Amino acid sequence: MDAFTAAIFDMDGLLLDSERAIMRAWTAAARDEGLELSEHDYLRTVGRSLRDSLDILQAHFGSRQAFDAVRARARETLAPGGRHAVFPLKPGARRVLELLGERGVPCAVASSSAIAEVRRRLDAVGVAGFFGAFAGGDEVERAKPDPAVYRLALTRLGVPAQQCLAFEDSDHGMAAAVAAGMRVVVVPDLKVPTEAVRAQAWRLVDSMEQVLPQVAGWFPAATP
């Protein structure tokens, strides 16, 4: 049985139920502009950095003018004070963090979102205090599936990769954590796990609620 002493979490789609709201904001904005953006098209952006995601969407719309119009509408919906300003926690996420905190397990976040957004979104749902370190996609040169953001989180947490368990929802995120030398628990969100994900995941569970009974076994060296 593998044992770990620390944990690193992705944020969007893993801790927060944000990917659906963001996807709906973009698809609705495209529709309002008389353009087409299917869920299948949008899923190509999931797990990537903001910069990469925006490049993909601009290429999809075919012009900077069309992209800017859709982005403005989506940002209005997602901005502070907008309909989707606060993304709720996924079921089981808070309790997992509470259990890890009770056991003295150091935790960090490694997200493709900008570091300011990471802090804002987690503060908004009252869980930022569970984390000793944060790493955002705007702090590294290369986005997931490159391991840079996970390596930054590991450095800030001060824990060797082999002692740290990663939690991810997407294929790009899992690939980044694996490349950083970590074992990964995959909790799928919008994307159906591919065979490659199933083969590389240390564990594959349906929800964060299924992580709850595993915490003590996965982190046995932590202080009760």
Foldseek 3Di string as FASTA:
>chain_A
DAAAQAEEEEPDQAFFVCPVLLLVLLQVLQVVVVHHDDPVQQVVLPQKAPVVSLVSVCVVVPHPVSSVSSVVSSCQQCPVVHVNVATDTFPQNVVLLVVCVVLVRAYEYQYSYAQVVVCVRCVVHPRPVSHQYYFYNVVDDGIFVAQVSVVVRCVSSVHQQDNYEYEEADPRVCNNSVVSVHAYEYAHGPDDDDPVCVVRHPHYDPGSNVCVVCSCVRHVVTHD
